[in-house]
């Protein structure tokens, strides 16, 4: 596919066609890595910044869980107890 480089603020941009993005599994704000290789601009998924939900959740412990999450879990487990706490 041929396209053109366009001005975007103080930078330049090349639009990525929807079919290309979908084929790569990219969405808005997808982490990518860019490099110049001779006369080629290489853009690829930045695997180091790609997060895996299961891996992130595995890192949650009793010591680092956010207090708001604890309150949500309590209210979901025992709605009557949560109602008492809010009074």
PDB file of N, CA and C in Angstrom:
ATOM      1  N   UNK A   1       0.845  -1.171   0.000  1.00  0.00           N
ATOM      2  CA  UNK A   1       0.000   0.000   0.000  1.00  0.00           C
ATOM      3  C   UNK A   1       0.892   1.236   0.000  1.00  0.00           C
ATOM      4  N   UNK A   2       0.550   2.194  -0.793  1.00  0.00           N
ATOM      5  CA  UNK A   2       1.264   3.466  -0.818  1.00  0.00           C
ATOM      6  C   UNK A   2       0.423   4.506  -0.089  1.00  0.00           C
ATOM      7  N   UNK A   3       1.092   5.378   0.647  1.00  0.00           N
ATOM      8  CA  UNK A   3       0.423   6.443   1.383  1.00  0.00           C
ATOM      9  C   UNK A   3       1.367   7.631   1.458  1.00  0.00           C
ATOM     10  N   UNK A   4       1.052   8.608   2.263  1.00  0.00           N
ATOM     11  CA  UNK A   4       1.931   9.770   2.385  1.00  0.00           C
ATOM     12  C   UNK A   4       2.138  10.121   3.858  1.00  0.00           C
ATOM     13  N   UNK A   5       3.223  10.802   4.115  1.00  0.00           N
ATOM     14  CA  UNK A   5       3.529  11.298   5.450  1.00  0.00           C
ATOM     15  C   UNK A   5       2.803  12.626   5.609  1.00  0.00           C
ATOM     16  N   UNK A   6       2.111  12.797   6.740  1.00  0.00           N
ATOM     17  CA  UNK A   6       1.335  14.012   6.972  1.00  0.00           C
ATOM     18  C   UNK A   6       1.811  14.701   8.243  1.00  0.00           C
ATOM     19  N   UNK A   7       1.565  16.004   8.318  1.00  0.00           N
ATOM     20  CA  UNK A   7       1.920  16.766   9.505  1.00  0.00           C
ATOM     21  C   UNK A   7       0.889  16.500  10.591  1.00  0.00           C
ATOM     22  N   UNK A   8       1.365  16.317  11.830  1.00  0.00           N
ATOM     23  CA  UNK A   8       0.506  16.109  12.983  1.00  0.00           C
ATOM     24  C   UNK A   8       1.102  16.920  14.123  1.00  0.00           C
ATOM     25  N   UNK A   9       0.586  18.120  14.347  1.00  0.00           N
ATOM     26  CA  UNK A   9       1.191  19.042  15.322  1.00  0.00           C
ATOM     27  C   UNK A   9       2.570  19.426  14.841  1.00  0.00           C
ATOM     28  N   UNK A  10       3.564  19.250  15.702  1.00  0.00           N
ATOM     29  CA  UNK A  10       4.955  19.539  15.324  1.00  0.00           C
ATOM     30  C   UNK A  10       5.665  18.301  14.787  1.00  0.00           C
ATOM     31  N   UNK A  11       4.952  17.210  14.654  1.00  0.00           N
ATOM     32  CA  UNK A  11       5.545  15.946  14.221  1.00  0.00           C
ATOM     33  C   UNK A  11       5.006  15.554  12.855  1.00  0.00           C
ATOM     34  N   UNK A  12       5.455  14.406  12.381  1.00  0.00           N
ATOM     35  CA  UNK A  12       4.940  13.814  11.155  1.00  0.00           C
ATOM     36  C   UNK A  12       4.277  12.498  11.505  1.00  0.00           C
ATOM     37  N   UNK A  13       3.313  12.078  10.705  1.00  0.00           N
ATOM     38  CA  UNK A  13       2.571  10.854  11.001  1.00  0.00           C
ATOM     39  C   UNK A  13       2.246  10.088   9.732  1.00  0.00           C
ATOM     40  N   UNK A  14       2.119   8.795   9.882  1.00  0.00           N
ATOM     41  CA  UNK A  14       1.630   7.901   8.832  1.00  0.00           C
ATOM     42  C   UNK A  14       0.461   7.144   9.445  1.00  0.00           C
ATOM     43  N   UNK A  15      -0.670   7.190   8.802  1.00  0.00           N
ATOM     44  CA  UNK A  15      -1.841   6.474   9.319  1.00  0.00           C
ATOM     45  C   UNK A  15      -1.683   4.987   9.075  1.00  0.00           C
ATOM     46  N   UNK A  16      -2.114   4.217  10.058  1.00  0.00           N
ATOM     47  CA  UNK A  16      -2.071   2.762   9.943  1.00  0.00           C
ATOM     48  C   UNK A  16      -3.486   2.297   9.592  1.00  0.00           C
ATOM     49  N   UNK A  17      -3.657   1.674   8.446  1.00  0.00           N
ATOM     50  CA  UNK A  17      -4.991   1.218   8.056  1.00  0.00           C
ATOM     51  C   UNK A  17      -5.571   0.246   9.088  1.00  0.00           C
ATOM     52  N   UNK A  18      -6.882   0.300   9.257  1.00  0.00           N
ATOM     53  CA  UNK A  18      -7.577  -0.527  10.245  1.00  0.00           C
ATOM     54  C   UNK A  18      -7.240  -2.003  10.074  1.00  0.00           C
ATOM     55  N   UNK A  19      -7.224  -2.487   8.848  1.00  0.00           N
ATOM     56  CA  UNK A  19      -6.947  -3.906   8.599  1.00  0.00           C
ATOM     57  C   UNK A  19      -5.537  -4.287   9.071  1.00  0.00           C
ATOM     58  N   UNK A  20      -4.574  -3.378   8.877  1.00  0.00           N
ATOM     59  CA  UNK A  20      -3.208  -3.640   9.341  1.00  0.00           C
ATOM     60  C   UNK A  20      -3.183  -3.710  10.863  1.00  0.00           C
ATOM     61  N   UNK A  21      -3.807  -2.720  11.515  1.00  0.00           N
ATOM     62  CA  UNK A  21      -3.823  -2.668  12.979  1.00  0.00           C
ATOM     63  C   UNK A  21      -4.499  -3.911  13.551  1.00  0.00           C
ATOM     64  N   UNK A  22      -5.629  -4.284  12.990  1.00  0.00           N
ATOM     65  CA  UNK A  22      -6.332  -5.471  13.474  1.00  0.00           C
ATOM     66  C   UNK A  22      -5.481  -6.719  13.293  1.00  0.00           C
ATOM     67  N   UNK A  23      -4.796  -6.816  12.166  1.00  0.00           N
ATOM     68  CA  UNK A  23      -3.938  -7.972  11.912  1.00  0.00           C
ATOM     69  C   UNK A  23      -2.796  -8.088  12.910  1.00  0.00           C
ATOM     70  N   UNK A  24      -2.357  -6.947  13.433  1.00  0.00           N
ATOM     71  CA  UNK A  24      -1.276  -6.933  14.420  1.00  0.00           C
ATOM     72  C   UNK A  24      -1.793  -6.967  15.857  1.00  0.00           C
ATOM     73  N   UNK A  25      -3.104  -6.876  16.004  1.00  0.00           N
ATOM     74  CA  UNK A  25      -3.676  -6.841  17.344  1.00  0.00           C
ATOM     75  C   UNK A  25      -3.491  -5.501  18.033  1.00  0.00           C
ATOM     76  N   UNK A  26      -3.327  -4.427  17.235  1.00  0.00           N
ATOM     77  CA  UNK A  26      -3.105  -3.087  17.794  1.00  0.00           C
ATOM     78  C   UNK A  26      -4.423  -2.363  17.951  1.00  0.00           C
ATOM     79  N   UNK A  27      -4.494  -1.590  19.055  1.00  0.00           N
ATOM     80  CA  UNK A  27      -5.602  -0.667  19.291  1.00  0.00           C
ATOM     81  C   UNK A  27      -4.980   0.686  19.600  1.00  0.00           C
ATOM     82  N   UNK A  28      -5.814   1.661  19.839  1.00  0.00           N
ATOM     83  CA  UNK A  28      -5.321   2.981  20.222  1.00  0.00           C
ATOM     84  C   UNK A  28      -4.433   2.848  21.458  1.00  0.00           C
ATOM     85  N   UNK A  29      -3.312   3.537  21.455  1.00  0.00           N
ATOM     86  CA  UNK A  29      -2.331   3.542  22.546  1.00  0.00           C
ATOM     87  C   UNK A  29      -1.589   2.228  22.719  1.00  0.00           C
ATOM     88  N   UNK A  30      -1.600   1.364  21.707  1.00  0.00           N
ATOM     89  CA  UNK A  30      -0.828   0.121  21.783  1.00  0.00           C
ATOM     90  C   UNK A  30       0.653   0.471  21.898  1.00  0.00           C
ATOM     91  N   UNK A  31       1.390  -0.207  22.776  1.00  0.00           N
ATOM     92  CA  UNK A  31       2.819   0.087  22.904  1.00  0.00           C
ATOM     93  C   UNK A  31       3.587  -0.447  21.693  1.00  0.00           C
ATOM     94  N   UNK A  32       4.357   0.423  21.044  1.00  0.00           N
ATOM     95  CA  UNK A  32       5.152   0.028  19.886  1.00  0.00           C
ATOM     96  C   UNK A  32       6.584   0.509  20.052  1.00  0.00           C
ATOM     97  N   UNK A  33       7.453  -0.102  19.307  1.00  0.00           N
ATOM     98  CA  UNK A  33       8.863   0.280  19.260  1.00  0.00           C
ATOM     99  C   UNK A  33       9.167   0.675  17.817  1.00  0.00           C
ATOM    100  N   UNK A  34       9.880   1.792  17.643  1.00  0.00           N
ATOM    101  CA  UNK A  34      10.221   2.249  16.296  1.00  0.00           C
ATOM    102  C   UNK A  34      11.740   2.290  16.151  1.00  0.00           C
ATOM    103  N   UNK A  35      12.201   1.973  14.948  1.00  0.00           N
ATOM    104  CA  UNK A  35      13.630   2.028  14.655  1.00  0.00           C
ATOM    105  C   UNK A  35      13.807   2.311  13.168  1.00  0.00           C
ATOM    106  N   UNK A  36      14.943   2.859  12.844  1.00  0.00           N
ATOM    107  CA  UNK A  36      15.311   3.078  11.443  1.00  0.00           C
ATOM    108  C   UNK A  36      16.331   2.015  11.071  1.00  0.00           C
ATOM    109  N   UNK A  37      16.080   1.318   9.985  1.00  0.00           N
ATOM    110  CA  UNK A  37      16.977   0.280   9.485  1.00  0.00           C
ATOM    111  C   UNK A  37      17.277   0.605   8.032  1.00  0.00           C
ATOM    112  N   UNK A  38      18.393   1.312   7.800  1.00  0.00           N
ATOM    113  CA  UNK A  38      18.718   1.773   6.451  1.00  0.00           C
ATOM    114  C   UNK A  38      17.706   2.807   6.020  1.00  0.00           C
ATOM    115  N   UNK A  39      16.968   2.524   4.951  1.00  0.00           N
ATOM    116  CA  UNK A  39      15.932   3.457   4.509  1.00  0.00           C
ATOM    117  C   UNK A  39      14.529   2.987   4.908  1.00  0.00           C
ATOM    118  N   UNK A  40      14.463   2.076   5.885  1.00  0.00           N
ATOM    119  CA  UNK A  40      13.178   1.559   6.360  1.00  0.00           C
ATOM    120  C   UNK A  40      12.846   2.106   7.747  1.00  0.00           C
ATOM    121  N   UNK A  41      11.595   2.417   7.966  1.00  0.00           N
ATOM    122  CA  UNK A  41      11.096   2.723   9.295  1.00  0.00           C
ATOM    123  C   UNK A  41      10.396   1.450   9.762  1.00  0.00           C
ATOM    124  N   UNK A  42      10.892   0.876  10.852  1.00  0.00           N
ATOM    125  CA  UNK A  42      10.341  -0.373  11.378  1.00  0.00           C
ATOM    126  C   UNK A  42       9.526  -0.049  12.623  1.00  0.00           C
ATOM    127  N   UNK A  43       8.265  -0.458  12.631  1.00  0.00           N
ATOM    128  CA  UNK A  43       7.387  -0.272  13.787  1.00  0.00           C
ATOM    129  C   UNK A  43       6.901  -1.658  14.189  1.00  0.00           C
ATOM    130  N   UNK A  44       7.169  -2.024  15.448  1.00  0.00           N
ATOM    131  CA  UNK A  44       6.732  -3.345  15.904  1.00  0.00           C
ATOM    132  C   UNK A  44       6.190  -3.262  17.320  1.00  0.00           C
ATOM    133  N   UNK A  45       5.400  -4.251  17.695  1.00  0.00           N
ATOM    134  CA  UNK A  45       4.829  -4.302  19.028  1.00  0.00           C
ATOM    135  C   UNK A  45       5.948  -4.322  20.055  1.00  0.00           C
ATOM    136  N   UNK A  46       5.823  -3.479  21.084  1.00  0.00           N
ATOM    137  CA  UNK A  46       6.804  -3.444  22.163  1.00  0.00           C
ATOM    138  C   UNK A  46       6.399  -4.498  23.182  1.00  0.00           C
ATOM    139  N   UNK A  47       6.949  -5.678  23.059  1.00  0.00           N
ATOM    140  CA  UNK A  47       6.585  -6.806  23.924  1.00  0.00           C
ATOM    141  C   UNK A  47       6.961  -6.553  25.384  1.00  0.00           C
ATOM    142  N   UNK A  48       7.976  -5.707  25.621  1.00  0.00           N
ATOM    143  CA  UNK A  48       8.380  -5.416  26.999  1.00  0.00           C
ATOM    144  C   UNK A  48       7.325  -4.590  27.723  1.00  0.00           C
ATOM    145  N   UNK A  49       6.513  -3.839  26.974  1.00  0.00           N
ATOM    146  CA  UNK A  49       5.465  -3.018  27.591  1.00  0.00           C
ATOM    147  C   UNK A  49       4.079  -3.591  27.372  1.00  0.00           C
ATOM    148  N   UNK A  50       3.993  -4.805  26.868  1.00  0.00           N
ATOM    149  CA  UNK A  50       2.704  -5.446  26.667  1.00  0.00           C
ATOM    150  C   UNK A  50       2.353  -6.182  27.951  1.00  0.00           C
ATOM    151  N   UNK A  51       1.204  -5.839  28.529  1.00  0.00           N
ATOM    152  CA  UNK A  51       0.830  -6.404  29.817  1.00  0.00           C
ATOM    153  C   UNK A  51      -0.093  -7.590  29.643  1.00  0.00           C
ATOM    154  N   UNK A  52       0.042  -8.523  30.560  1.00  0.00           N
ATOM    155  CA  UNK A  52      -0.790  -9.705  30.602  1.00  0.00           C
ATOM    156  C   UNK A  52      -1.594  -9.640  31.901  1.00  0.00           C
ATOM    157  N   UNK A  53      -2.915  -9.621  31.816  1.00  0.00           N
ATOM    158  CA  UNK A  53      -3.763  -9.455  32.985  1.00  0.00           C
ATOM    159  C   UNK A  53      -3.488 -10.522  34.042  1.00  0.00           C
ATOM    160  N   UNK A  54      -3.349 -11.760  33.615  1.00  0.00           N
ATOM    161  CA  UNK A  54      -3.088 -12.824  34.592  1.00  0.00           C
ATOM    162  C   UNK A  54      -1.786 -12.583  35.346  1.00  0.00           C
ATOM    163  N   UNK A  55      -0.749 -12.130  34.637  1.00  0.00           N
ATOM    164  CA  UNK A  55       0.535 -11.858  35.287  1.00  0.00           C
ATOM    165  C   UNK A  55       0.414 -10.680  36.246  1.00  0.00           C
ATOM    166  N   UNK A  56      -0.329  -9.648  35.853  1.00  0.00           N
ATOM    167  CA  UNK A  56      -0.524  -8.502  36.743  1.00  0.00           C
ATOM    168  C   UNK A  56      -1.283  -8.903  37.998  1.00  0.00           C
ATOM    169  N   UNK A  57      -2.357  -9.663  37.833  1.00  0.00           N
ATOM    170  CA  UNK A  57      -3.150 -10.086  38.991  1.00  0.00           C
ATOM    171  C   UNK A  57      -2.363 -11.013  39.908  1.00  0.00           C
ATOM    172  N   UNK A  58      -1.475 -11.799  39.349  1.00  0.00           N
ATOM    173  CA  UNK A  58      -0.647 -12.690  40.168  1.00  0.00           C
ATOM    174  C   UNK A  58       0.267 -11.890  41.098  1.00  0.00           C
ATOM    175  N   UNK A  59       0.559 -10.647  40.736  1.00  0.00           N
ATOM    176  CA  UNK A  59       1.421  -9.799  41.557  1.00  0.00           C
ATOM    177  C   UNK A  59       0.687  -9.092  42.684  1.00  0.00           C
ATOM    178  N   UNK A  60      -0.644  -9.207  42.735  1.00  0.00           N
ATOM    179  CA  UNK A  60      -1.425  -8.560  43.789  1.00  0.00           C
ATOM    180  C   UNK A  60      -1.355  -9.410  45.052  1.00  0.00           C
ATOM    181  N   UNK A  61      -0.982  -8.768  46.154  1.00  0.00           N
ATOM    182  CA  UNK A  61      -0.895  -9.462  47.442  1.00  0.00           C
ATOM    183  C   UNK A  61      -1.710  -8.697  48.475  1.00  0.00           C
ATOM    184  N   UNK A  62      -1.882  -9.275  49.645  1.00  0.00           N
ATOM    185  CA  UNK A  62      -2.576  -8.584  50.738  1.00  0.00           C
ATOM    186  C   UNK A  62      -1.849  -7.300  51.117  1.00  0.00           C
ATOM    187  N   UNK A  63      -0.535  -7.266  50.915  1.00  0.00           N
ATOM    188  CA  UNK A  63       0.267  -6.100  51.284  1.00  0.00           C
ATOM    189  C   UNK A  63       0.151  -4.944  50.289  1.00  0.00           C
ATOM    190  N   UNK A  64      -0.152  -5.234  49.011  1.00  0.00           N
ATOM    191  CA  UNK A  64      -0.159  -4.153  48.020  1.00  0.00           C
ATOM    192  C   UNK A  64      -1.528  -3.900  47.384  1.00  0.00           C
ATOM    193  N   UNK A  65      -2.582  -4.571  47.858  1.00  0.00           N
ATOM    194  CA  UNK A  65      -3.909  -4.338  47.295  1.00  0.00           C
ATOM    195  C   UNK A  65      -4.399  -2.953  47.736  1.00  0.00           C
ATOM    196  N   UNK A  66      -5.066  -2.250  46.839  1.00  0.00           N
ATOM    197  CA  UNK A  66      -5.558  -0.901  47.135  1.00  0.00           C
ATOM    198  C   UNK A  66      -6.726  -0.989  48.120  1.00  0.00           C
ATOM    199  N   UNK A  67      -6.783  -0.095  49.127  1.00  0.00           N
ATOM    200  CA  UNK A  67      -7.876  -0.137  50.118  1.00  0.00           C
ATOM    201  C   UNK A  67      -9.269  -0.082  49.493  1.00  0.00           C
ATOM    202  N   UNK A  68      -9.441   0.650  48.415  1.00  0.00           N
ATOM    203  CA  UNK A  68     -10.749   0.735  47.773  1.00  0.00           C
ATOM    204  C   UNK A  68     -11.176  -0.629  47.227  1.00  0.00           C
ATOM    205  N   UNK A  69     -10.233  -1.413  46.768  1.00  0.00           N
ATOM    206  CA  UNK A  69     -10.549  -2.750  46.259  1.00  0.00           C
ATOM    207  C   UNK A  69     -11.050  -3.629  47.404  1.00  0.00           C
ATOM    208  N   UNK A  70     -10.386  -3.525  48.563  1.00  0.00           N
ATOM    209  CA  UNK A  70     -10.811  -4.316  49.712  1.00  0.00           C
ATOM    210  C   UNK A  70     -12.257  -3.980  50.069  1.00  0.00           C
ATOM    211  N   UNK A  71     -12.626  -2.705  50.050  1.00  0.00           N
ATOM    212  CA  UNK A  71     -13.993  -2.293  50.364  1.00  0.00           C
ATOM    213  C   UNK A  71     -14.980  -2.860  49.351  1.00  0.00           C
ATOM    214  N   UNK A  72     -14.616  -2.856  48.079  1.00  0.00           N
ATOM    215  CA  UNK A  72     -15.489  -3.410  47.039  1.00  0.00           C
ATOM    216  C   UNK A  72     -15.679  -4.904  47.220  1.00  0.00           C
ATOM    217  N   UNK A  73     -14.620  -5.597  47.586  1.00  0.00           N
ATOM    218  CA  UNK A  73     -14.704  -7.047  47.775  1.00  0.00           C
ATOM    219  C   UNK A  73     -15.595  -7.361  48.962  1.00  0.00           C
ATOM    220  N   UNK A  74     -15.450  -6.613  50.051  1.00  0.00           N
ATOM    221  CA  UNK A  74     -16.291  -6.825  51.225  1.00  0.00           C
ATOM    222  C   UNK A  74     -17.751  -6.575  50.879  1.00  0.00           C
ATOM    223  N   UNK A  75     -18.041  -5.488  50.180  1.00  0.00           N
ATOM    224  CA  UNK A  75     -19.433  -5.168  49.854  1.00  0.00           C
ATOM    225  C   UNK A  75     -20.029  -6.197  48.898  1.00  0.00           C
ATOM    226  N   UNK A  76     -19.228  -6.748  48.015  1.00  0.00           N
ATOM    227  CA  UNK A  76     -19.732  -7.765  47.099  1.00  0.00           C
ATOM    228  C   UNK A  76     -19.977  -9.080  47.836  1.00  0.00           C
ATOM    229  N   UNK A  77     -19.128  -9.378  48.806  1.00  0.00           N
ATOM    230  CA  UNK A  77     -19.261 -10.630  49.542  1.00  0.00           C
ATOM    231  C   UNK A  77     -20.403 -10.574  50.545  1.00  0.00           C
ATOM    232  N   UNK A  78     -20.608  -9.424  51.183  1.00  0.00           N
ATOM    233  CA  UNK A  78     -21.632  -9.297  52.225  1.00  0.00           C
ATOM    234  C   UNK A  78     -22.280  -7.925  52.134  1.00  0.00           C
ATOM    235  N   UNK A  79     -23.275  -7.772  51.263  1.00  0.00           N
ATOM    236  CA  UNK A  79     -23.917  -6.463  51.077  1.00  0.00           C
ATOM    237  C   UNK A  79     -24.495  -5.892  52.366  1.00  0.00           C
ATOM    238  N   UNK A  80     -24.999  -6.744  53.274  1.00  0.00           N
ATOM    239  CA  UNK A  80     -25.546  -6.239  54.542  1.00  0.00           C
ATOM    240  C   UNK A  80     -24.458  -5.611  55.394  1.00  0.00           C
ATOM    241  N   UNK A  81     -23.279  -6.233  55.438  1.00  0.00           N
ATOM    242  CA  UNK A  81     -22.150  -5.693  56.209  1.00  0.00           C
ATOM    243  C   UNK A  81     -21.698  -4.360  55.625  1.00  0.00           C
ATOM    244  N   UNK A  82     -21.676  -4.261  54.301  1.00  0.00           N
ATOM    245  CA  UNK A  82     -21.281  -3.003  53.661  1.00  0.00           C
ATOM    246  C   UNK A  82     -22.281  -1.905  53.984  1.00  0.00           C
ATOM    247  N   UNK A  83     -23.569  -2.246  54.055  1.00  0.00           N
ATOM    248  CA  UNK A  83     -24.596  -1.260  54.390  1.00  0.00           C
ATOM    249  C   UNK A  83     -24.412  -0.747  55.814  1.00  0.00           C
ATOM    250  N   UNK A  84     -24.042  -1.642  56.737  1.00  0.00           N
ATOM    251  CA  UNK A  84     -23.777  -1.226  58.118  1.00  0.00           C
ATOM    252  C   UNK A  84     -22.599  -0.267  58.187  1.00  0.00           C
ATOM    253  N   UNK A  85     -21.534  -0.574  57.411  1.00  0.00           N
ATOM    254  CA  UNK A  85     -20.330   0.267  57.420  1.00  0.00           C
ATOM    255  C   UNK A  85     -20.593   1.648  56.887  1.00  0.00           C
ATOM    256  N   UNK A  86     -21.541   1.793  55.974  1.00  0.00           N
ATOM    257  CA  UNK A  86     -21.789   3.099  55.355  1.00  0.00           C
ATOM    258  C   UNK A  86     -22.690   3.978  56.205  1.00  0.00           C
ATOM    259  N   UNK A  87     -23.277   3.426  57.283  1.00  0.00           N
ATOM    260  CA  UNK A  87     -24.179   4.213  58.141  1.00  0.00           C
ATOM    261  C   UNK A  87     -23.436   4.952  59.217  1.00  0.00           C
TER     262      UNK A  87
END
